Structures are given as C-alpha cells and as structure tokens.
Protein backbone atom coordinates (compact mmCIF):
# COMPACT_ATOMS: atom_id res chain seq x y z
CA MET A 1 99.54 153.83 140.80
CA LYS A 2 100.66 151.17 137.69
CA LYS A 3 104.35 151.07 140.24
CA LYS A 4 101.97 151.05 143.41
CA VAL A 5 100.43 147.67 142.22
CA ILE A 6 103.44 145.89 141.48
CA LEU A 7 105.40 147.15 144.73
CA ILE A 8 102.43 145.63 146.85
CA VAL A 9 102.49 142.23 144.86
CA LEU A 10 106.30 142.14 145.08
CA ILE A 11 105.67 142.28 149.04
CA LEU A 12 103.27 139.48 149.02
CA MET A 13 105.36 137.51 147.01
CA LEU A 14 108.73 138.25 149.31
CA THR A 15 106.35 138.16 152.62
CA LEU A 16 105.02 133.78 151.06
CA SER A 17 108.68 133.92 150.39
CA LEU A 18 109.92 133.85 154.02
CA SER A 19 107.27 132.88 155.52
CA VAL A 20 107.72 129.36 153.85
CA GLN A 21 111.72 129.08 154.63
CA ALA A 22 110.44 129.64 158.38
CA GLN A 23 108.09 126.36 158.11
CA ILE A 24 111.13 124.30 156.38
CA ARG A 25 113.31 123.87 159.43
CA VAL A 26 117.23 123.23 158.00
CA GLY A 27 119.31 121.13 159.42
CA GLN A 28 123.38 120.30 160.02
CA PHE A 29 125.05 118.20 157.42
CA PRO A 30 125.36 114.41 158.91
CA GLN A 31 128.60 113.34 156.63
CA ASN A 32 132.28 114.54 157.97
CA VAL A 33 133.50 113.88 154.76
CA GLU A 34 134.63 116.49 151.68
CA ASP A 35 133.52 115.39 148.13
CA GLU A 36 136.40 114.14 145.67
CA TYR A 37 135.79 114.68 142.06
CA VAL A 38 138.05 112.45 139.31
CA LEU A 39 136.97 113.42 135.73
CA ASN A 40 138.85 110.43 134.80
CA PRO A 41 139.17 106.99 137.31
CA ASP A 42 142.18 104.77 137.51
CA ALA A 43 141.76 101.71 136.93
CA VAL A 44 137.96 102.34 134.95
CA GLU A 45 137.95 101.68 131.13
CA ILE A 46 134.36 102.52 129.88
CA GLU A 47 133.01 100.64 126.93
CA ALA A 48 129.87 101.76 125.49
CA TRP A 49 127.52 98.66 125.58
CA LEU A 50 124.71 100.21 123.87
CA GLN A 51 124.15 104.36 122.05
CA ASN A 52 121.59 106.10 120.22
CA LEU A 53 118.85 105.24 122.76
CA ASP A 54 115.76 107.53 124.25
CA VAL A 55 116.50 108.75 127.39
CA PRO A 56 116.14 105.22 129.19
CA TRP A 57 114.98 104.84 132.85
CA GLU A 58 115.55 101.49 133.76
CA LEU A 59 117.88 98.23 132.64
CA VAL A 60 116.82 94.88 134.07
CA PHE A 61 118.80 91.85 133.40
CA LEU A 62 116.72 88.49 132.78
CA PRO A 63 117.44 85.67 135.07
CA GLU A 64 118.00 82.59 133.80
CA SER A 65 118.66 84.23 129.96
CA ASN A 66 120.74 86.40 127.72
CA ARG A 67 118.26 89.09 127.68
CA ALA A 68 117.52 92.53 129.14
CA LEU A 69 114.60 95.19 129.06
CA ILE A 70 115.08 98.57 128.72
CA SER A 71 112.79 101.76 129.53
CA GLU A 72 112.41 104.30 127.27
CA ARG A 73 110.79 107.13 129.19
CA ASP A 74 108.05 107.87 126.34
CA GLY A 75 106.50 104.34 127.27
CA ARG A 76 108.54 101.40 124.68
CA VAL A 77 110.30 98.54 126.07
CA LEU A 78 113.24 97.17 123.98
CA GLN A 79 114.74 93.89 124.53
CA VAL A 80 118.63 93.52 124.37
CA GLU A 81 119.57 89.36 123.31
CA ASN A 82 123.04 88.29 123.38
CA GLY A 83 124.03 92.47 124.02
CA ASN A 84 122.17 93.53 120.23
CA LEU A 85 119.44 95.69 120.77
CA LYS A 86 116.03 94.03 119.12
CA SER A 87 114.50 96.30 116.39
CA GLU A 88 111.10 95.38 117.15
CA SER A 89 109.79 97.05 120.84
CA TYR A 90 108.93 94.55 123.34
CA LEU A 91 106.12 96.44 124.83
CA GLU A 92 104.54 100.06 124.02
CA LEU A 93 102.73 101.39 126.31
CA ASP A 94 100.05 104.75 125.83
CA ILE A 95 101.37 106.87 128.32
CA ASP A 96 101.67 110.86 129.97
CA SER A 97 105.13 111.45 129.26
CA ARG A 98 105.00 115.48 130.44
CA GLY A 99 108.31 117.19 132.63
CA GLU A 100 109.31 113.77 134.27
CA GLY A 101 107.23 111.98 133.93
CA GLY A 102 106.46 108.85 131.46
CA LEU A 103 107.54 104.83 131.72
CA MET A 104 110.00 104.79 134.48
CA GLY A 105 110.48 101.84 137.54
CA MET A 106 110.77 98.54 136.00
CA VAL A 107 111.90 95.19 137.81
CA HIS A 108 111.45 91.13 137.10
CA HIS A 109 109.29 89.41 139.43
CA PRO A 110 111.99 87.52 142.03
CA ASP A 111 111.01 84.09 140.69
CA PHE A 112 111.42 85.00 137.00
CA PRO A 113 111.22 82.45 134.67
CA GLU A 114 109.31 80.56 136.06
CA THR A 115 107.01 83.18 137.52
CA PRO A 116 107.10 84.87 134.14
CA TYR A 117 106.37 88.79 135.29
CA ILE A 118 107.46 91.94 134.56
CA TYR A 119 106.81 95.19 136.19
CA LEU A 120 106.22 98.74 135.55
CA MET A 121 105.72 102.31 136.74
CA TYR A 122 104.28 105.01 134.32
CA THR A 123 102.27 108.04 133.91
CA TYR A 124 98.81 108.51 131.97
CA THR A 125 96.23 110.37 132.20
CA SER A 126 92.73 109.02 133.24
CA SER A 127 89.02 109.14 131.37
CA ASN A 128 89.05 112.71 133.65
CA GLY A 129 91.64 114.25 133.05
CA GLN A 130 93.80 113.58 136.13
CA LEU A 131 97.30 112.80 136.04
CA TYR A 132 98.16 109.86 138.19
CA ASN A 133 100.62 107.49 138.30
CA ARG A 134 100.60 103.20 138.04
CA VAL A 135 102.49 100.15 138.49
CA SER A 136 101.20 97.36 137.05
CA ARG A 137 102.76 93.41 135.81
CA PHE A 138 102.95 92.12 132.69
CA THR A 139 103.40 88.25 131.42
CA ASP A 140 107.01 87.41 129.58
CA GLN A 141 106.22 85.84 125.99
CA GLY A 142 109.79 85.91 124.85
CA ASN A 143 109.37 88.45 122.27
CA GLN A 144 107.50 90.43 124.29
CA ALA A 145 104.83 91.02 127.30
CA VAL A 146 101.11 90.35 127.22
CA GLU A 147 98.06 91.40 129.43
CA GLU A 148 98.49 93.79 132.07
CA GLU A 149 97.12 93.59 135.35
CA ILE A 150 97.19 96.86 137.32
CA ILE A 151 99.01 96.08 141.05
CA ILE A 152 98.33 99.63 142.69
CA ASP A 153 97.34 102.92 140.83
CA GLN A 154 96.16 106.16 141.30
CA ILE A 155 99.16 107.36 142.95
CA PRO A 156 99.63 111.08 142.54
CA ALA A 157 101.26 111.98 139.75
CA GLY A 158 102.68 115.54 137.87
CA ASN A 159 105.11 117.68 135.69
CA ASN A 160 107.50 117.16 138.48
CA HIS A 161 108.13 114.94 141.33
CA ASN A 162 107.21 111.52 140.26
CA GLY A 163 109.82 109.34 142.28
CA GLY A 164 109.24 106.11 139.93
CA ARG A 165 111.69 103.45 140.94
CA ILE A 166 110.48 99.84 141.67
CA ALA A 167 112.41 96.95 142.90
CA PHE A 168 111.30 93.64 145.14
CA GLY A 169 113.27 93.84 148.31
CA PRO A 170 115.22 90.78 150.08
CA ASP A 171 112.42 89.66 151.85
CA GLY A 172 110.47 89.38 148.21
CA MET A 173 108.25 92.42 148.67
CA LEU A 174 107.47 95.22 146.31
CA TYR A 175 108.89 98.91 147.41
CA ILE A 176 108.17 101.54 145.01
CA THR A 177 109.31 104.98 145.53
CA THR A 178 106.79 108.53 145.19
CA GLY A 179 107.05 111.57 144.48
CA GLU A 180 104.94 114.88 146.35
CA THR A 181 104.40 116.21 142.81
CA PHE A 182 105.16 119.97 143.78
CA THR A 183 102.22 119.34 146.78
CA ARG A 184 104.48 119.18 149.59
CA LYS A 185 101.99 118.70 152.27
CA ILE A 186 100.96 115.02 150.99
CA ALA A 187 103.91 113.72 152.01
CA GLN A 188 102.90 112.86 155.33
CA ASP A 189 99.70 112.62 154.64
CA LEU A 190 99.14 108.76 155.50
CA ASP A 191 95.91 108.69 153.61
CA ASN A 192 97.94 110.03 150.40
CA LEU A 193 100.40 107.63 148.55
CA GLY A 194 102.84 110.11 147.45
CA GLY A 195 106.20 111.18 149.52
CA LYS A 196 106.33 107.63 150.69
CA ILE A 197 108.16 104.50 150.00
CA LEU A 198 105.26 101.58 149.09
CA ARG A 199 105.52 98.16 149.97
CA LEU A 200 103.42 95.40 148.61
CA THR A 201 103.28 91.95 147.81
CA PRO A 202 104.07 90.56 144.27
CA GLU A 203 100.22 90.48 143.85
CA GLY A 204 100.14 93.90 145.75
CA ILE A 205 98.37 92.63 148.30
CA ILE A 206 99.44 95.05 152.12
CA PRO A 207 101.56 93.09 153.78
CA ALA A 208 100.16 92.03 157.64
CA ASP A 209 103.20 93.36 158.46
CA ASN A 210 103.55 97.22 157.23
CA PRO A 211 104.04 99.74 159.92
CA PHE A 212 101.08 101.27 159.47
CA GLU A 213 97.94 98.84 159.43
CA ASN A 214 95.61 98.31 156.19
CA SER A 215 98.09 100.65 154.95
CA PRO A 216 100.82 100.26 151.82
CA VAL A 217 103.13 103.37 153.49
CA TYR A 218 106.49 101.68 154.51
CA SER A 219 107.89 104.96 154.97
CA LEU A 220 106.76 108.68 154.83
CA GLY A 221 108.17 112.51 154.71
CA HIS A 222 109.67 112.18 151.03
CA ARG A 223 110.21 114.71 148.31
CA ASN A 224 111.27 112.79 144.90
CA PRO A 225 113.00 109.69 145.72
CA GLN A 226 114.19 108.26 142.80
CA GLY A 227 116.88 105.50 143.77
CA ILE A 228 116.83 102.11 145.40
CA ALA A 229 118.97 99.46 146.79
CA TRP A 230 119.73 96.91 150.23
CA HIS A 231 123.34 96.63 151.33
CA PRO A 232 124.29 93.39 150.17
CA GLU A 233 125.62 92.69 153.43
CA THR A 234 123.13 93.68 156.36
CA GLY A 235 120.20 93.47 153.87
CA ASP A 236 118.91 97.60 154.93
CA LEU A 237 117.03 100.14 152.49
CA PHE A 238 118.82 102.63 150.76
CA ILE A 239 117.21 105.40 148.86
CA SER A 240 117.86 108.99 147.16
CA ASP A 241 115.40 111.33 147.47
CA HIS A 242 115.97 115.89 145.58
CA GLY A 243 116.00 118.44 147.97
CA PRO A 244 114.43 122.00 146.82
CA SER A 245 117.31 122.52 144.49
CA GLY A 246 116.38 126.51 144.52
CA LYS A 247 112.59 126.17 145.40
CA ASP A 248 110.69 126.93 148.01
CA GLY A 249 113.60 129.58 149.01
CA LEU A 250 116.20 126.83 149.50
CA ARG A 251 118.99 125.55 147.20
CA ALA A 252 120.06 121.96 147.04
CA LYS A 253 119.77 119.52 149.90
CA ASP A 254 119.47 116.65 148.35
CA ARG A 255 119.91 113.39 150.23
CA ILE A 256 120.98 109.52 150.99
CA LYS A 257 118.55 108.23 153.30
CA VAL A 258 118.80 104.36 155.48
CA VAL A 259 114.96 103.56 155.43
CA GLU A 260 113.68 101.34 158.18
CA ALA A 261 109.97 100.80 158.78
CA GLY A 262 107.73 103.10 159.10
CA SER A 263 110.28 106.16 159.42
CA ASN A 264 108.95 109.78 158.85
CA PHE A 265 112.16 112.42 157.34
CA GLY A 266 109.87 115.02 158.24
CA TRP A 267 109.49 116.40 154.67
CA PRO A 268 108.70 119.06 153.99
CA ASP A 269 108.64 120.69 157.84
CA LYS A 270 112.61 119.85 157.86
CA ILE A 271 115.37 118.81 155.73
CA GLY A 272 119.06 117.83 156.87
CA TYR A 273 120.06 116.45 160.14
CA PHE A 274 118.33 117.11 163.81
CA GLU A 275 119.47 115.36 167.09
CA ASP A 276 116.13 116.00 168.78
CA GLY A 277 114.94 112.69 167.67
CA GLU A 278 111.33 113.95 165.67
CA TYR A 279 112.29 112.44 162.95
CA ALA A 280 114.72 110.08 160.61
CA ASN A 281 117.55 111.79 159.34
CA PRO A 282 119.67 111.45 156.78
CA LEU A 283 122.65 109.16 156.21
CA ILE A 284 124.28 112.04 153.30
CA MET A 285 122.91 115.63 152.41
CA TRP A 286 124.51 117.67 149.53
CA GLU A 287 124.73 121.43 149.81
CA ASN A 288 125.41 121.63 145.89
CA ALA A 289 122.35 120.53 143.37
CA VAL A 290 123.20 116.70 142.57
CA PRO A 291 120.36 115.32 142.80
CA PRO A 292 120.50 111.85 143.30
CA SER A 293 118.35 108.95 141.16
CA GLY A 294 119.11 105.12 141.00
CA MET A 295 121.64 103.50 142.33
CA SER A 296 122.63 100.13 143.24
CA PHE A 297 126.00 98.68 145.80
CA TYR A 298 128.66 97.27 143.56
CA GLN A 299 131.97 95.51 144.90
CA GLY A 300 131.11 97.28 148.68
CA ASN A 301 130.48 100.80 147.61
CA LEU A 302 127.09 102.35 146.70
CA TYR A 303 127.46 103.71 142.85
CA VAL A 304 124.34 106.39 142.34
CA GLY A 305 123.45 107.79 139.12
CA THR A 306 123.19 111.92 139.44
CA LEU A 307 121.84 114.24 136.98
CA ARG A 308 122.44 117.99 137.13
CA SER A 309 126.23 117.08 138.74
CA GLU A 310 126.64 115.15 135.97
CA SER A 311 128.86 112.07 137.73
CA LEU A 312 128.18 108.68 139.13
CA VAL A 313 128.92 109.26 143.04
CA ARG A 314 130.68 106.44 144.16
CA ILE A 315 130.19 106.01 148.38
CA GLY A 316 132.42 104.38 150.47
CA LEU A 317 130.64 103.20 153.45
CA ASN A 318 131.80 101.54 156.95
CA ARG A 319 129.49 100.17 159.78
CA ASN A 320 129.77 100.31 163.61
CA SER A 321 127.60 98.82 165.19
CA ASP A 322 124.28 99.74 164.35
CA GLU A 323 125.58 103.26 162.48
CA TYR A 324 127.07 103.84 159.00
CA THR A 325 129.98 106.33 158.43
CA VAL A 326 130.48 107.67 155.54
CA GLU A 327 134.00 107.65 154.49
CA SER A 328 134.60 108.90 151.33
CA ILE A 329 132.26 110.72 148.50
CA GLU A 330 133.73 110.61 144.63
CA HIS A 331 131.66 111.80 141.55
CA LEU A 332 133.58 109.96 138.88
CA PHE A 333 133.78 111.76 135.47
CA ASN A 334 133.24 115.15 136.70
CA ASP A 335 136.50 117.60 137.01
CA GLY A 336 134.37 119.53 139.93
CA SER A 337 134.25 122.92 137.94
CA GLY A 338 132.26 121.71 134.91
CA ASN A 339 133.74 119.09 132.96
CA THR A 340 132.02 116.07 133.06
CA ALA A 341 132.76 113.07 130.28
CA TYR A 342 129.02 111.72 130.03
CA GLY A 343 126.53 114.22 130.82
CA ARG A 344 123.56 112.92 133.09
CA ILE A 345 123.30 109.73 134.71
CA ARG A 346 120.70 108.20 135.00
CA LYS A 347 120.47 104.93 136.96
CA ALA A 348 123.76 102.84 137.54
CA VAL A 349 123.01 98.68 137.68
CA VAL A 350 124.89 95.48 138.01
CA GLY A 351 125.03 93.34 135.62
CA PRO A 352 125.48 89.18 136.18
CA ASP A 353 128.91 89.57 134.55
CA GLY A 354 130.62 91.64 136.87
CA TYR A 355 130.34 94.67 134.94
CA LEU A 356 128.60 98.15 136.35
CA TYR A 357 126.61 99.36 134.22
CA PHE A 358 125.23 103.28 133.91
CA LEU A 359 122.51 104.54 131.68
CA THR A 360 122.89 108.88 130.64
CA ASN A 361 119.78 111.00 130.21
CA ASN A 362 120.92 113.75 128.06
CA ARG A 363 118.31 113.89 125.69
CA ASP A 364 115.48 114.00 128.82
CA GLY A 365 115.16 117.82 127.72
CA ARG A 366 117.94 119.41 130.59
CA GLY A 367 120.98 117.84 129.51
CA ARG A 368 123.43 118.39 126.76
CA PRO A 369 123.55 115.69 124.08
CA ARG A 370 126.08 114.54 122.78
CA GLU A 371 127.27 111.92 120.29
CA ASN A 372 125.53 108.58 120.09
CA ASP A 373 123.18 109.86 123.48
CA ASP A 374 121.42 108.52 125.19
CA GLN A 375 123.92 104.95 126.00
CA ILE A 376 123.96 102.19 128.60
CA LEU A 377 128.60 102.15 129.01
CA ARG A 378 129.42 99.92 131.30
CA PHE A 379 132.79 99.27 133.23
CA LYS A 380 134.41 96.19 135.90
CA LEU A 381 136.26 96.37 138.69
CA GLU A 382 139.13 93.83 139.44
CA LYS A 383 137.98 92.74 143.20
C-alpha cells in the first residue's frame, strides 16, 4: 500500500512538471555568436580597491566629491573617502536579509549634491509579518544619511527573485527592477508591482508619460531583473534577467534585453526569441546558467557581472538601423572549464577616474569565499 501511494505521488509530480513545461514556450537563441572564455584577458591589470566586505550589492560614486558609498546586503551602507573605507557606517537599516533579500540597489539623486538625496531599495518584514521590498530616499549629511522618506512601498518580496536594482535614466526618472518572487503569474499582472520595470519621478510620482495610465509600470513580463544600464550613445535601456536555471523543468535561459516603454517580455508564458511578435524578444539568451546581475557600459562594450558563471561578461554590440547585433560575448576571468579568478561578481561600475570597478559576492551563501573576500576590484583599459 505504501509503495502504491509513493508511486501515485511521483506520477502526480511528473504530471505537474510536464504541465508547467507545456505552459512555458521556449523560443530560439537570438544571438549568432558563441561565448568565449578568457581567464587572463590581455591588457587587463587588476587592482584590489577594497577588501573584506560582506556581500556588497552596489557601489555609488558621489559627484563633486572624493566619496563613494557601498551597500551591503545585511543592511549597512559604508562610506569610502579618498579610497579609504571609513570605520563607522554611513547608514544602518533594519532589514530582512533572508534568502536573496536585504539591502540591494542604491543611487544618488541626478542633481546631487545640490539635491542631497540617496535612494535605497531594501527588503523588510511588515508589522503583520508580510515580506515586502521598498524604495526610500535619505538626506546626505556628509558622514551619515538621515530622514527616511518612502518613495514606493509594498513591492512583492520573497526568499528569491527580488530584482533590486535602481537607477536614474537619461530622462531624470527613477527606474526600479522588481522580481516575481517565484510567483510567476504576477509578472503579467499590471496591478502587481512584481516582475516589472517601474518608472517614477524622483519624488515617487507616476510620470504622465508612463505607458500604462496611472501606473508605475514601464515594462512587464520579467522574472528576476538585477541589472540596468543605458546605452551611452542611443539612450536605449538594457536590463539583465535571470532565467529558470533548472526551475520549472527548464534550464538556464538567462537573458539580456533592450526595453522600450510598455514592452512585455512574456514571462511566464514564453522565454526566448519568437518571430510571431506577440511579445518583446531578448537580445541575448544563454543555454548555460549565468545568471547576469548588475552591469555598465564601458568604452563601447556592455560589462555584466555574473553569479554562477563567476565571470565578468563583456558584450560587444553593433547597431544597424533600429536593431542591435551582438558581435561578441567574452567571459572574462573564467577559462570555461571551471577555473575562475574572482568568483561570483555582482556588478560592474564605471568610476569617475576611468576605471571599471566590479564587486565580488562570494560570501552570499552560494559562493566559495576566498582570501580577502568580498572585494571590490578595478582595472582601466586604454582607449
């Protein structure tokens, strides 16, 4: 009798798995280039900028100053002055850092320091025990940040898939990436803030020219977008998004996307490239698990921090007419056979000194901590 019950349970689980797979349509890979792996790239000399950090998520250089801020996932914001880490925290928040949550994205106001606001996205538990993400801004007072003002609240949160990146676009608007918290259907629900790219004014007001009336939603149909960057010449918005990576009976399918106002990328109805035009298509989709996180354009290429693949991915792009062509995909600091130089990389950031900085995340519970982890490393390429 016991064996029969176990068999029935297994059959039901298999049926459910097949049903899920049938619901998610998997398309083609849009790029026509093979990934390359380079453990020690030419002309790249790495310098250790800061060491012994605890899961740094964001690095922000403050304009018209010699200061920088670092968000750590446990709720601390650290301050760097003249390249030296200050002993006292700039800000400490009461957050919930379970799973992938905690203190995540950070950005300064576009008119800083005249408008001295620092924006942060973090996970917290409400008074009734509900887990949420919110974006708040604080007033910079030199050695500390004070006076929290909530910009947007009750963004869905979970142990996984919180999105978490925030940035100001060339239009002066605040963009926020949110995840679907493993509740796939909310990515297609315009009344739900999860699985979206949100767009607000710096004061948290919905812009009149947003694509959906009276809604902060700028784009939908995303799974777990953790990177956001604008092309320096065209102003086009690029994001990175995590694929199933073995979940839902699907493997990997991490993506890079070019996002337009109102675009729907189809998750969880589809993933990948389709020619039917029903949904927006990704620019890149990977077969193997990457997953891509924070990214920046540097000297004409897109640099993407990646987690499981433990590499800094350099993407060469060409733009013909209104479309981008992927010319190259290089996994820096990874030889393609399991040997990597720096482990998990959370983000790439361009500094005011012309260096490209990147943040390791080997102490996040999923990496293999190395000596002096976590670190912020940097290099400069000659133009």
